[in-house]
Amino acid sequence: MSKSVHVIIPYFQRQAGILRRALASVRAQQGVDDVHVIIIDDQSPVPPGEEIAASGLPADAVRVVQQANTGPGPARSNGLDHVPEDAGFVAFLDSDDQWLPGHLRNALDALGEDLDVYFANYLEPEATRDQFQNHGRIVLAQHQKRAAGSNCYRFGHSMIDQIIMGNVIETSTVVYRWAPLRSLRFDPNLRNAFEDHAFWVKAQELGRGFAFSTDVEVQYGRGVSIWRSTFHAGSERVLPKLIDQRRYLVDMLRRHARLPEHRQKIRAQLTSTRRAAVEHIAHYLRRGMKLNRDAIKAYLRSDPAFVALFLPILLKIFVARAAKRETAAGS
């Protein structure tokens, strides 16, 4: 069986040097020789040519695919369309992230011949504490230690339960076996959020199981990020993200929420999503900012009850904030 690894990198950056560092981390991989990079140039303002040349990767190991700007999910799917049929494995790497040198070798060792999807621990930008520790969502007693690889385990819990109750998989840590999962693509309807979660759900349905390592194998960076751009109050990307989040959650509730705690968790997230939409619109109204009517109409189509619930939710927000201010003043 082929041990070749095809690395899919969606690329859109406004700062030179970011892609070069990601590619240099691919070049630094140890113990894996047959590595090919597919860069999907999503109309990046910084073209990839000089970045590739400066990375030290052989020119014949890198392929650039140009496309109109569609976002990271569709870009990854386009990259998957260019993976050859006889490939061994696929790995994802975002252009602002970097792998540690043992990542690919550990992934292939952990997967062995009987598992199909691998993920690993990672560090957020400027973090000194890894994310598995931060989230506390991995209980090692639920998983089986693998004979091969560094601190590797077979995921022994329900992956659907893990994704619903607290996802632990980050895209730049993922490596998977190509043959059984080559039909998988990212949902084109989830351009702004949760396309990765939906991908892991489909991988669970099609694959033979997951392996993971508690080793930190990826350093996340701070380049252009659709997801992180929605963290800022007033960002125009907030409503598109919330629309995709609702679409994903409604689908999970309908198709995968088998347990009462699953339904409770998803319904709480749907409530939180609606509240976030109210807060976003209120933020714009308070500051006299122009609202994107098309985005609001799209959100209303995704959440028909929103109009009737807007004022009650807004009142609850104001009451909660007033109570918080009173508590702070009295302390």
C-alpha atoms as a PDB file:
ATOM      1  CA  MET A   1       0.000   0.000   0.000  1.00  0.00           C
ATOM      2  CA  SER A   2       1.232   3.491  -0.857  1.00  0.00           C
ATOM      3  CA  LYS A   3       2.694   5.547   1.985  1.00  0.00           C
ATOM      4  CA  SER A   4       2.614   8.790   0.003  1.00  0.00           C
ATOM      5  CA  VAL A   5       1.149  11.808   1.801  1.00  0.00           C
ATOM      6  CA  HIS A   6      -0.600  14.609  -0.066  1.00  0.00           C
ATOM      7  CA  VAL A   7      -0.786  17.824   1.946  1.00  0.00           C
ATOM      8  CA  ILE A   8      -3.728  20.127   1.214  1.00  0.00           C
ATOM      9  CA  ILE A   9      -3.096  23.820   1.959  1.00  0.00           C
ATOM     10  CA  PRO A  10      -5.840  26.400   1.283  1.00  0.00           C
ATOM     11  CA  TYR A  11      -4.049  29.704   0.763  1.00  0.00           C
ATOM     12  CA  PHE A  12      -5.227  33.274   1.285  1.00  0.00           C
ATOM     13  CA  GLN A  13      -2.865  35.604   3.141  1.00  0.00           C
ATOM     14  CA  ARG A  14      -2.096  39.307   3.170  1.00  0.00           C
ATOM     15  CA  GLN A  15       1.371  39.033   4.734  1.00  0.00           C
ATOM     16  CA  ALA A  16       4.474  37.600   3.106  1.00  0.00           C
ATOM     17  CA  GLY A  17       6.342  34.815   4.906  1.00  0.00           C
ATOM     18  CA  ILE A  18       3.352  33.021   6.429  1.00  0.00           C
ATOM     19  CA  LEU A  19       3.018  30.340   3.756  1.00  0.00           C
ATOM     20  CA  ARG A  20       6.803  29.955   3.601  1.00  0.00           C
ATOM     21  CA  ARG A  21       6.896  28.976   7.279  1.00  0.00           C
ATOM     22  CA  ALA A  22       4.090  26.458   6.825  1.00  0.00           C
ATOM     23  CA  LEU A  23       5.883  24.893   3.856  1.00  0.00           C
ATOM     24  CA  ALA A  24       9.181  24.843   5.743  1.00  0.00           C
ATOM     25  CA  SER A  25       7.452  22.789   8.441  1.00  0.00           C
ATOM     26  CA  VAL A  26       6.385  20.303   5.757  1.00  0.00           C
ATOM     27  CA  ARG A  27       9.956  20.128   4.508  1.00  0.00           C
ATOM     28  CA  ALA A  28      11.172  19.484   8.071  1.00  0.00           C
ATOM     29  CA  GLN A  29       9.060  16.330   8.499  1.00  0.00           C
ATOM     30  CA  GLN A  30      11.116  13.354   9.637  1.00  0.00           C
ATOM     31  CA  GLY A  31      10.671   9.697   8.723  1.00  0.00           C
ATOM     32  CA  VAL A  32       8.283  10.294   5.809  1.00  0.00           C
ATOM     33  CA  ASP A  33       9.842  10.655   2.385  1.00  0.00           C
ATOM     34  CA  ASP A  34       7.029  10.631  -0.175  1.00  0.00           C
ATOM     35  CA  VAL A  35       5.299  13.958   0.521  1.00  0.00           C
ATOM     36  CA  HIS A  36       3.461  16.087  -2.042  1.00  0.00           C
ATOM     37  CA  VAL A  37       1.915  19.518  -1.450  1.00  0.00           C
ATOM     38  CA  ILE A  38      -1.198  20.843  -3.148  1.00  0.00           C
ATOM     39  CA  ILE A  39      -1.693  24.576  -2.562  1.00  0.00           C
ATOM     40  CA  ILE A  40      -5.107  25.984  -3.438  1.00  0.00           C
ATOM     41  CA  ASP A  41      -4.533  29.658  -4.204  1.00  0.00           C
ATOM     42  CA  ASP A  42      -7.855  31.196  -3.122  1.00  0.00           C
ATOM     43  CA  GLN A  43      -7.024  34.487  -4.876  1.00  0.00           C
ATOM     44  CA  SER A  44      -4.488  35.311  -2.186  1.00  0.00           C
ATOM     45  CA  PRO A  45      -3.241  38.942  -2.176  1.00  0.00           C
ATOM     46  CA  VAL A  46       0.265  37.539  -1.582  1.00  0.00           C
ATOM     47  CA  PRO A  47       0.988  35.144  -4.456  1.00  0.00           C
ATOM     48  CA  PRO A  48       2.442  31.750  -3.523  1.00  0.00           C
ATOM     49  CA  GLY A  49       5.371  31.632  -5.972  1.00  0.00           C
ATOM     50  CA  GLU A  50       8.052  33.368  -3.906  1.00  0.00           C
ATOM     51  CA  GLU A  51       6.801  31.682  -0.734  1.00  0.00           C
ATOM     52  CA  ILE A  52       7.293  28.259  -2.312  1.00  0.00           C
ATOM     53  CA  ALA A  53      10.744  29.132  -3.646  1.00  0.00           C
ATOM     54  CA  ALA A  54      11.860  30.354  -0.204  1.00  0.00           C
ATOM     55  CA  SER A  55      10.556  27.282   1.617  1.00  0.00           C
ATOM     56  CA  GLY A  56      13.253  24.893   0.425  1.00  0.00           C
ATOM     57  CA  LEU A  57      10.766  22.339  -0.898  1.00  0.00           C
ATOM     58  CA  PRO A  58      11.647  20.813  -4.280  1.00  0.00           C
ATOM     59  CA  ALA A  59       9.645  22.453  -7.063  1.00  0.00           C
ATOM     60  CA  ASP A  60       8.316  19.093  -8.276  1.00  0.00           C
ATOM     61  CA  ALA A  61       6.861  18.369  -4.808  1.00  0.00           C
ATOM     62  CA  VAL A  62       4.490  21.355  -4.898  1.00  0.00           C
ATOM     63  CA  ARG A  63       1.472  21.916  -7.105  1.00  0.00           C
ATOM     64  CA  VAL A  64      -0.481  25.179  -7.145  1.00  0.00           C
ATOM     65  CA  VAL A  65      -4.147  25.187  -8.125  1.00  0.00           C
ATOM     66  CA  GLN A  66      -5.690  28.586  -8.832  1.00  0.00           C
ATOM     67  CA  GLN A  67      -9.341  29.282  -8.067  1.00  0.00           C
ATOM     68  CA  ALA A  68     -11.802  32.105  -7.481  1.00  0.00           C
ATOM     69  CA  ASN A  69     -12.124  33.014  -3.818  1.00  0.00           C
ATOM     70  CA  THR A  70     -14.501  30.644  -2.044  1.00  0.00           C
ATOM     71  CA  GLY A  71     -13.085  30.209   1.463  1.00  0.00           C
ATOM     72  CA  PRO A  72     -11.079  27.403   3.105  1.00  0.00           C
ATOM     73  CA  GLY A  73     -13.658  24.594   2.988  1.00  0.00           C
ATOM     74  CA  PRO A  74     -14.313  24.701  -0.768  1.00  0.00           C
ATOM     75  CA  ALA A  75     -10.584  25.289  -1.317  1.00  0.00           C
ATOM     76  CA  ARG A  76      -9.749  22.091   0.574  1.00  0.00           C
ATOM     77  CA  SER A  77     -12.365  20.217  -1.458  1.00  0.00           C
ATOM     78  CA  ASN A  78     -10.765  21.521  -4.642  1.00  0.00           C
ATOM     79  CA  GLY A  79      -7.430  20.262  -3.347  1.00  0.00           C
ATOM     80  CA  LEU A  80      -8.932  16.849  -2.666  1.00  0.00           C
ATOM     81  CA  ASP A  81     -10.157  16.758  -6.270  1.00  0.00           C
ATOM     82  CA  HIS A  82      -6.481  16.886  -7.309  1.00  0.00           C
ATOM     83  CA  VAL A  83      -5.253  14.038  -5.093  1.00  0.00           C
ATOM     84  CA  PRO A  84      -4.304  11.045  -7.278  1.00  0.00           C
ATOM     85  CA  GLU A  85      -6.238   7.812  -6.948  1.00  0.00           C
ATOM     86  CA  ASP A  86      -3.175   5.875  -5.792  1.00  0.00           C
ATOM     87  CA  ALA A  87      -2.309   8.272  -2.934  1.00  0.00           C
ATOM     88  CA  GLY A  88      -1.752   6.753   0.474  1.00  0.00           C
ATOM     89  CA  PHE A  89      -2.781   9.512   2.862  1.00  0.00           C
ATOM     90  CA  VAL A  90      -4.068  13.086   2.944  1.00  0.00           C
ATOM     91  CA  ALA A  91      -3.023  15.677   5.514  1.00  0.00           C
ATOM     92  CA  PHE A  92      -4.489  19.124   6.074  1.00  0.00           C
ATOM     93  CA  LEU A  93      -2.397  22.179   6.922  1.00  0.00           C
ATOM     94  CA  ASP A  94      -3.673  25.737   7.002  1.00  0.00           C
ATOM     95  CA  SER A  95      -1.247  28.238   5.551  1.00  0.00           C
ATOM     96  CA  ASP A  96      -0.676  30.089   8.851  1.00  0.00           C
ATOM     97  CA  ASP A  97       0.024  26.935  10.900  1.00  0.00           C
ATOM     98  CA  GLN A  98       3.193  24.879  11.314  1.00  0.00           C
ATOM     99  CA  TRP A  99       3.785  21.195  11.960  1.00  0.00           C
ATOM    100  CA  LEU A 100       6.367  19.924  14.387  1.00  0.00           C
ATOM    101  CA  PRO A 101       8.880  17.577  12.686  1.00  0.00           C
ATOM    102  CA  GLY A 102       7.404  14.253  13.874  1.00  0.00           C
ATOM    103  CA  HIS A 103       3.788  14.899  12.936  1.00  0.00           C
ATOM    104  CA  LEU A 104       3.399  12.849   9.752  1.00  0.00           C
ATOM    105  CA  ARG A 105       5.515   9.949  10.973  1.00  0.00           C
ATOM    106  CA  ASN A 106       3.507   9.724  14.194  1.00  0.00           C
ATOM    107  CA  ALA A 107       0.253   9.838  12.245  1.00  0.00           C
ATOM    108  CA  LEU A 108       1.191   6.960   9.952  1.00  0.00           C
ATOM    109  CA  ASP A 109       2.550   4.910  12.864  1.00  0.00           C
ATOM    110  CA  ALA A 110      -0.619   5.460  14.886  1.00  0.00           C
ATOM    111  CA  LEU A 111      -2.980   4.586  12.035  1.00  0.00           C
ATOM    112  CA  GLY A 112      -1.191   1.336  11.296  1.00  0.00           C
ATOM    113  CA  GLU A 113      -3.243  -0.874   8.983  1.00  0.00           C
ATOM    114  CA  ASP A 114      -6.552  -0.807  10.877  1.00  0.00           C
ATOM    115  CA  LEU A 115      -7.535   2.857  11.475  1.00  0.00           C
ATOM    116  CA  ASP A 116      -8.293   5.614   8.989  1.00  0.00           C
ATOM    117  CA  VAL A 117      -8.238   9.065  10.644  1.00  0.00           C
ATOM    118  CA  TYR A 118      -5.648  10.686  12.900  1.00  0.00           C
ATOM    119  CA  PHE A 119      -5.576  13.922  14.899  1.00  0.00           C
ATOM    120  CA  ALA A 120      -3.172  15.354  17.456  1.00  0.00           C
ATOM    121  CA  ASN A 121      -2.687  17.882  20.202  1.00  0.00           C
ATOM    122  CA  TYR A 122      -1.748  21.473  19.337  1.00  0.00           C
ATOM    123  CA  LEU A 123      -0.882  24.927  20.646  1.00  0.00           C
ATOM    124  CA  GLU A 124      -2.859  28.091  19.984  1.00  0.00           C
ATOM    125  CA  PRO A 125      -0.871  31.235  19.068  1.00  0.00           C
ATOM    126  CA  GLU A 126       1.289  32.482  21.948  1.00  0.00           C
ATOM    127  CA  ALA A 127       0.018  29.651  24.172  1.00  0.00           C
ATOM    128  CA  THR A 128       2.273  27.726  26.546  1.00  0.00           C
ATOM    129  CA  ARG A 129      -0.385  25.203  27.621  1.00  0.00           C
ATOM    130  CA  ASP A 130      -1.634  22.684  25.062  1.00  0.00           C
ATOM    131  CA  GLN A 131      -5.262  22.522  24.008  1.00  0.00           C
ATOM    132  CA  PHE A 132      -5.964  18.997  25.239  1.00  0.00           C
ATOM    133  CA  GLN A 133      -5.105  20.221  28.733  1.00  0.00           C
ATOM    134  CA  ASN A 134      -6.994  23.479  28.290  1.00  0.00           C
ATOM    135  CA  HIS A 135     -10.226  21.818  27.207  1.00  0.00           C
ATOM    136  CA  GLY A 136     -10.014  18.669  29.332  1.00  0.00           C
ATOM    137  CA  ARG A 137     -12.142  16.798  26.799  1.00  0.00           C
ATOM    138  CA  ILE A 138      -9.868  13.772  26.306  1.00  0.00           C
ATOM    139  CA  VAL A 139     -10.219  11.124  29.025  1.00  0.00           C
ATOM    140  CA  LEU A 140      -7.378   8.687  28.333  1.00  0.00           C
ATOM    141  CA  ALA A 141      -9.017   5.874  30.306  1.00  0.00           C
ATOM    142  CA  GLN A 142     -11.652   5.698  27.542  1.00  0.00           C
ATOM    143  CA  HIS A 143      -9.057   4.976  24.836  1.00  0.00           C
ATOM    144  CA  GLN A 144      -6.640   2.173  23.978  1.00  0.00           C
ATOM    145  CA  LYS A 145      -2.890   2.822  23.835  1.00  0.00           C
ATOM    146  CA  ARG A 146      -1.352   2.038  20.473  1.00  0.00           C
ATOM    147  CA  ALA A 147       1.763  -0.100  20.239  1.00  0.00           C
ATOM    148  CA  ALA A 148       3.305   2.234  17.659  1.00  0.00           C
ATOM    149  CA  GLY A 149       3.785   5.973  17.670  1.00  0.00           C
ATOM    150  CA  SER A 150       4.525   8.485  20.392  1.00  0.00           C
ATOM    151  CA  ASN A 151       1.729   8.749  22.988  1.00  0.00           C
ATOM    152  CA  CYS A 152      -0.796   7.428  20.487  1.00  0.00           C
ATOM    153  CA  TYR A 153      -4.227   5.963  21.233  1.00  0.00           C
ATOM    154  CA  ARG A 154      -7.128   4.402  19.423  1.00  0.00           C
ATOM    155  CA  PHE A 155     -10.138   6.618  20.019  1.00  0.00           C
ATOM    156  CA  GLY A 156     -12.414   4.332  22.010  1.00  0.00           C
ATOM    157  CA  HIS A 157     -15.298   6.634  22.860  1.00  0.00           C
ATOM    158  CA  SER A 158     -18.155   7.631  20.515  1.00  0.00           C
ATOM    159  CA  MET A 159     -16.750  10.188  18.095  1.00  0.00           C
ATOM    160  CA  ILE A 160     -20.238  11.548  17.379  1.00  0.00           C
ATOM    161  CA  ASP A 161     -20.697  12.091  21.118  1.00  0.00           C
ATOM    162  CA  GLN A 162     -17.296  13.796  21.296  1.00  0.00           C
ATOM    163  CA  ILE A 163     -18.057  16.107  18.385  1.00  0.00           C
ATOM    164  CA  ILE A 164     -21.442  17.103  19.811  1.00  0.00           C
ATOM    165  CA  MET A 165     -20.401  17.484  23.448  1.00  0.00           C
ATOM    166  CA  GLY A 166     -16.984  19.029  22.844  1.00  0.00           C
ATOM    167  CA  ASN A 167     -15.056  18.698  19.587  1.00  0.00           C
ATOM    168  CA  VAL A 168     -11.340  17.945  19.996  1.00  0.00           C
ATOM    169  CA  ILE A 169     -10.262  17.733  16.339  1.00  0.00           C
ATOM    170  CA  GLU A 170      -8.507  20.667  14.680  1.00  0.00           C
ATOM    171  CA  THR A 171      -8.011  20.644  10.932  1.00  0.00           C
ATOM    172  CA  SER A 172      -4.250  21.200  10.726  1.00  0.00           C
ATOM    173  CA  THR A 173      -3.655  18.146  12.914  1.00  0.00           C
ATOM    174  CA  VAL A 174      -5.622  15.732  10.709  1.00  0.00           C
ATOM    175  CA  VAL A 175      -4.140  12.957   8.546  1.00  0.00           C
ATOM    176  CA  TYR A 176      -6.326  10.277   6.974  1.00  0.00           C
ATOM    177  CA  ARG A 177      -6.145   7.238   4.739  1.00  0.00           C
ATOM    178  CA  TRP A 178      -7.152   8.216   1.229  1.00  0.00           C
ATOM    179  CA  ALA A 179      -8.624   5.034  -0.265  1.00  0.00           C
ATOM    180  CA  PRO A 180     -11.609   4.477   2.066  1.00  0.00           C
ATOM    181  CA  LEU A 181     -12.403   8.194   2.438  1.00  0.00           C
ATOM    182  CA  ARG A 182     -11.634   9.583  -1.013  1.00  0.00           C
ATOM    183  CA  SER A 183     -15.299  10.481  -1.616  1.00  0.00           C
ATOM    184  CA  LEU A 184     -15.286  12.914   1.327  1.00  0.00           C
ATOM    185  CA  ARG A 185     -15.522  16.646   0.637  1.00  0.00           C
ATOM    186  CA  PHE A 186     -16.267  19.682   2.765  1.00  0.00           C
ATOM    187  CA  ASP A 187     -19.888  20.832   2.730  1.00  0.00           C
ATOM    188  CA  PRO A 188     -20.060  23.784   0.272  1.00  0.00           C
ATOM    189  CA  ASN A 189     -23.015  25.202   2.217  1.00  0.00           C
ATOM    190  CA  LEU A 190     -20.804  25.721   5.271  1.00  0.00           C
ATOM    191  CA  ARG A 191     -18.384  28.310   3.960  1.00  0.00           C
ATOM    192  CA  ASN A 192     -17.978  30.330   7.155  1.00  0.00           C
ATOM    193  CA  ALA A 193     -18.046  27.822  10.011  1.00  0.00           C
ATOM    194  CA  PHE A 194     -18.357  24.175  11.066  1.00  0.00           C
ATOM    195  CA  GLU A 195     -17.458  22.682   7.691  1.00  0.00           C
ATOM    196  CA  ASP A 196     -14.689  20.837   9.515  1.00  0.00           C
ATOM    197  CA  HIS A 197     -17.021  19.372  12.167  1.00  0.00           C
ATOM    198  CA  ALA A 198     -19.335  18.104   9.437  1.00  0.00           C
ATOM    199  CA  PHE A 199     -16.330  16.517   7.704  1.00  0.00           C
ATOM    200  CA  TRP A 200     -15.324  14.618  10.863  1.00  0.00           C
ATOM    201  CA  VAL A 201     -18.886  13.327  11.232  1.00  0.00           C
ATOM    202  CA  LYS A 202     -18.797  11.942   7.691  1.00  0.00           C
ATOM    203  CA  ALA A 203     -15.341  10.456   8.308  1.00  0.00           C
ATOM    204  CA  GLN A 204     -16.749   8.676  11.353  1.00  0.00           C
ATOM    205  CA  GLU A 205     -19.517   7.204   9.210  1.00  0.00           C
ATOM    206  CA  LEU A 206     -17.200   5.982   6.432  1.00  0.00           C
ATOM    207  CA  GLY A 207     -13.973   5.097   8.245  1.00  0.00           C
ATOM    208  CA  ARG A 208     -12.803   2.307  10.530  1.00  0.00           C
ATOM    209  CA  GLY A 209     -11.909   4.511  13.443  1.00  0.00           C
ATOM    210  CA  PHE A 210      -9.742   7.335  14.743  1.00  0.00           C
ATOM    211  CA  ALA A 211      -6.295   7.463  16.308  1.00  0.00           C
ATOM    212  CA  PHE A 212      -4.818  10.415  18.151  1.00  0.00           C
ATOM    213  CA  SER A 213      -1.706  11.540  19.968  1.00  0.00           C
ATOM    214  CA  THR A 214      -1.465  13.643  23.092  1.00  0.00           C
ATOM    215  CA  ASP A 215       1.828  15.046  21.775  1.00  0.00           C
ATOM    216  CA  VAL A 216       1.721  18.656  20.603  1.00  0.00           C
ATOM    217  CA  GLU A 217       2.328  18.360  16.868  1.00  0.00           C
ATOM    218  CA  VAL A 218       0.991  21.637  15.471  1.00  0.00           C
ATOM    219  CA  GLN A 219       1.632  25.283  16.284  1.00  0.00           C
ATOM    220  CA  TYR A 220      -1.308  27.408  15.222  1.00  0.00           C
ATOM    221  CA  GLY A 221      -0.564  30.846  13.775  1.00  0.00           C
ATOM    222  CA  ARG A 222      -2.196  34.219  13.268  1.00  0.00           C
ATOM    223  CA  GLY A 223      -2.800  34.745   9.583  1.00  0.00           C
ATOM    224  CA  VAL A 224      -6.061  35.505   7.812  1.00  0.00           C
ATOM    225  CA  SER A 225      -8.781  33.430   9.497  1.00  0.00           C
ATOM    226  CA  ILE A 226     -12.507  33.523   8.710  1.00  0.00           C
ATOM    227  CA  TRP A 227     -13.236  31.879  12.058  1.00  0.00           C
ATOM    228  CA  ARG A 228     -11.149  34.237  14.198  1.00  0.00           C
ATOM    229  CA  SER A 229     -12.460  37.274  12.306  1.00  0.00           C
ATOM    230  CA  THR A 230     -15.904  36.550  13.789  1.00  0.00           C
ATOM    231  CA  PHE A 231     -14.583  37.053  17.332  1.00  0.00           C
ATOM    232  CA  HIS A 232     -14.593  40.843  16.897  1.00  0.00           C
ATOM    233  CA  ALA A 233     -17.765  42.741  17.811  1.00  0.00           C
ATOM    234  CA  GLY A 234     -19.226  44.324  14.710  1.00  0.00           C
ATOM    235  CA  SER A 235     -17.471  42.037  12.233  1.00  0.00           C
ATOM    236  CA  GLU A 236     -19.473  41.601   9.026  1.00  0.00           C
ATOM    237  CA  ARG A 237     -18.655  37.897   9.189  1.00  0.00           C
ATOM    238  CA  VAL A 238     -20.635  37.299  12.388  1.00  0.00           C
ATOM    239  CA  LEU A 239     -24.034  36.682  10.781  1.00  0.00           C
ATOM    240  CA  PRO A 240     -22.694  34.427   7.987  1.00  0.00           C
ATOM    241  CA  LYS A 241     -20.923  32.371  10.664  1.00  0.00           C
ATOM    242  CA  LEU A 242     -24.090  32.137  12.748  1.00  0.00           C
ATOM    243  CA  ILE A 243     -26.098  31.055   9.695  1.00  0.00           C
ATOM    244  CA  ASP A 244     -23.669  28.221   9.016  1.00  0.00           C
ATOM    245  CA  GLN A 245     -23.584  27.312  12.695  1.00  0.00           C
ATOM    246  CA  ARG A 246     -27.395  27.030  12.799  1.00  0.00           C
ATOM    247  CA  ARG A 247     -27.433  24.968   9.598  1.00  0.00           C
ATOM    248  CA  TYR A 248     -24.852  22.570  11.038  1.00  0.00           C
ATOM    249  CA  LEU A 249     -26.569  22.310  14.439  1.00  0.00           C
ATOM    250  CA  VAL A 250     -30.019  21.707  12.962  1.00  0.00           C
ATOM    251  CA  ASP A 251     -28.591  18.913  10.817  1.00  0.00           C
ATOM    252  CA  MET A 252     -26.829  17.365  13.817  1.00  0.00           C
ATOM    253  CA  LEU A 253     -30.025  17.568  15.874  1.00  0.00           C
ATOM    254  CA  ARG A 254     -31.997  15.876  13.121  1.00  0.00           C
ATOM    255  CA  ARG A 255     -29.529  13.170  12.120  1.00  0.00           C
ATOM    256  CA  HIS A 256     -27.119  12.446  14.973  1.00  0.00           C
ATOM    257  CA  ALA A 257     -28.524  13.538  18.349  1.00  0.00           C
ATOM    258  CA  ARG A 258     -29.422  10.083  19.654  1.00  0.00           C
ATOM    259  CA  LEU A 259     -29.144  10.771  23.384  1.00  0.00           C
ATOM    260  CA  PRO A 260     -31.052  13.260  25.576  1.00  0.00           C
ATOM    261  CA  GLU A 261     -27.789  15.006  26.487  1.00  0.00           C
ATOM    262  CA  HIS A 262     -26.999  15.442  22.793  1.00  0.00           C
ATOM    263  CA  ARG A 263     -30.331  17.123  22.137  1.00  0.00           C
ATOM    264  CA  GLN A 264     -29.967  19.283  25.232  1.00  0.00           C
ATOM    265  CA  LYS A 265     -26.467  20.384  24.196  1.00  0.00           C
ATOM    266  CA  ILE A 266     -27.439  21.229  20.617  1.00  0.00           C
ATOM    267  CA  ARG A 267     -30.578  23.100  21.646  1.00  0.00           C
ATOM    268  CA  ALA A 268     -28.511  25.147  24.094  1.00  0.00           C
ATOM    269  CA  GLN A 269     -26.100  25.966  21.269  1.00  0.00           C
ATOM    270  CA  LEU A 270     -28.983  26.994  19.017  1.00  0.00           C
ATOM    271  CA  THR A 271     -30.234  29.301  21.775  1.00  0.00           C
ATOM    272  CA  SER A 272     -26.746  30.749  22.159  1.00  0.00           C
ATOM    273  CA  THR A 273     -26.502  31.275  18.404  1.00  0.00           C
ATOM    274  CA  ARG A 274     -29.789  33.203  18.364  1.00  0.00           C
ATOM    275  CA  ARG A 275     -28.636  35.339  21.298  1.00  0.00           C
ATOM    276  CA  ALA A 276     -25.379  36.100  19.482  1.00  0.00           C
ATOM    277  CA  ALA A 277     -27.370  37.290  16.460  1.00  0.00           C
ATOM    278  CA  VAL A 278     -29.432  39.605  18.688  1.00  0.00           C
ATOM    279  CA  GLU A 279     -26.266  40.998  20.291  1.00  0.00           C
ATOM    280  CA  HIS A 280     -24.674  41.547  16.879  1.00  0.00           C
ATOM    281  CA  ILE A 281     -27.654  43.493  15.510  1.00  0.00           C
ATOM    282  CA  ALA A 282     -28.002  45.482  18.750  1.00  0.00           C
ATOM    283  CA  HIS A 283     -24.296  46.379  18.549  1.00  0.00           C
ATOM    284  CA  TYR A 284     -24.837  47.865  15.097  1.00  0.00           C
ATOM    285  CA  LEU A 285     -28.021  49.724  16.111  1.00  0.00           C
ATOM    286  CA  ARG A 286     -26.448  51.276  19.220  1.00  0.00           C
ATOM    287  CA  ARG A 287     -23.596  52.678  17.165  1.00  0.00           C
ATOM    288  CA  GLY A 288     -25.666  53.802  14.213  1.00  0.00           C
ATOM    289  CA  MET A 289     -23.763  51.435  11.933  1.00  0.00           C
ATOM    290  CA  LYS A 290     -25.218  50.298   8.622  1.00  0.00           C
ATOM    291  CA  LEU A 291     -26.606  46.785   8.782  1.00  0.00           C
ATOM    292  CA  ASN A 292     -26.087  44.314   5.972  1.00  0.00           C
ATOM    293  CA  ARG A 293     -29.680  43.687   4.944  1.00  0.00           C
ATOM    294  CA  ASP A 294     -28.812  40.699   2.783  1.00  0.00           C
ATOM    295  CA  ALA A 295     -27.061  39.029   5.730  1.00  0.00           C
ATOM    296  CA  ILE A 296     -30.033  39.725   8.020  1.00  0.00           C
ATOM    297  CA  LYS A 297     -32.475  38.310   5.458  1.00  0.00           C
ATOM    298  CA  ALA A 298     -30.309  35.207   5.109  1.00  0.00           C
ATOM    299  CA  TYR A 299     -30.230  34.781   8.890  1.00  0.00           C
ATOM    300  CA  LEU A 300     -34.015  35.162   9.113  1.00  0.00           C
ATOM    301  CA  ARG A 301     -34.433  32.405   6.545  1.00  0.00           C
ATOM    302  CA  SER A 302     -32.303  30.149   8.732  1.00  0.00           C
ATOM    303  CA  ASP A 303     -34.173  31.114  11.938  1.00  0.00           C
ATOM    304  CA  PRO A 304     -37.816  32.037  11.201  1.00  0.00           C
ATOM    305  CA  ALA A 305     -38.663  32.525  14.904  1.00  0.00           C
ATOM    306  CA  PHE A 306     -36.019  35.225  15.266  1.00  0.00           C
ATOM    307  CA  VAL A 307     -38.301  38.242  14.652  1.00  0.00           C
ATOM    308  CA  ALA A 308     -40.780  37.225  17.356  1.00  0.00           C
ATOM    309  CA  LEU A 309     -38.007  36.480  19.851  1.00  0.00           C
ATOM    310  CA  PHE A 310     -35.714  39.443  19.158  1.00  0.00           C
ATOM    311  CA  LEU A 311     -37.146  41.874  21.731  1.00  0.00           C
ATOM    312  CA  PRO A 312     -37.577  39.318  24.564  1.00  0.00           C
ATOM    313  CA  ILE A 313     -33.980  38.149  24.103  1.00  0.00           C
ATOM    314  CA  LEU A 314     -32.726  41.735  23.937  1.00  0.00           C
ATOM    315  CA  LEU A 315     -34.547  42.547  27.177  1.00  0.00           C
ATOM    316  CA  LYS A 316     -32.950  39.534  28.888  1.00  0.00           C
ATOM    317  CA  ILE A 317     -29.524  40.703  27.704  1.00  0.00           C
ATOM    318  CA  PHE A 318     -30.064  44.214  29.102  1.00  0.00           C
ATOM    319  CA  VAL A 319     -31.341  42.849  32.447  1.00  0.00           C
ATOM    320  CA  ALA A 320     -28.380  40.471  32.750  1.00  0.00           C
ATOM    321  CA  ARG A 321     -25.899  43.236  31.976  1.00  0.00           C
ATOM    322  CA  ALA A 322     -27.542  45.594  34.483  1.00  0.00           C
ATOM    323  CA  ALA A 323     -27.367  42.908  37.165  1.00  0.00           C
ATOM    324  CA  LYS A 324     -23.722  42.306  36.362  1.00  0.00           C
ATOM    325  CA  ARG A 325     -22.928  46.014  36.675  1.00  0.00           C
ATOM    326  CA  GLU A 326     -24.712  46.174  40.047  1.00  0.00           C
ATOM    327  CA  THR A 327     -22.764  43.162  41.279  1.00  0.00           C
ATOM    328  CA  ALA A 328     -19.480  44.700  40.121  1.00  0.00           C
ATOM    329  CA  ALA A 329     -20.309  48.029  41.775  1.00  0.00           C
ATOM    330  CA  GLY A 330     -21.160  46.333  45.071  1.00  0.00           C
ATOM    331  CA  SER A 331     -18.002  44.246  45.236  1.00  0.00           C
END
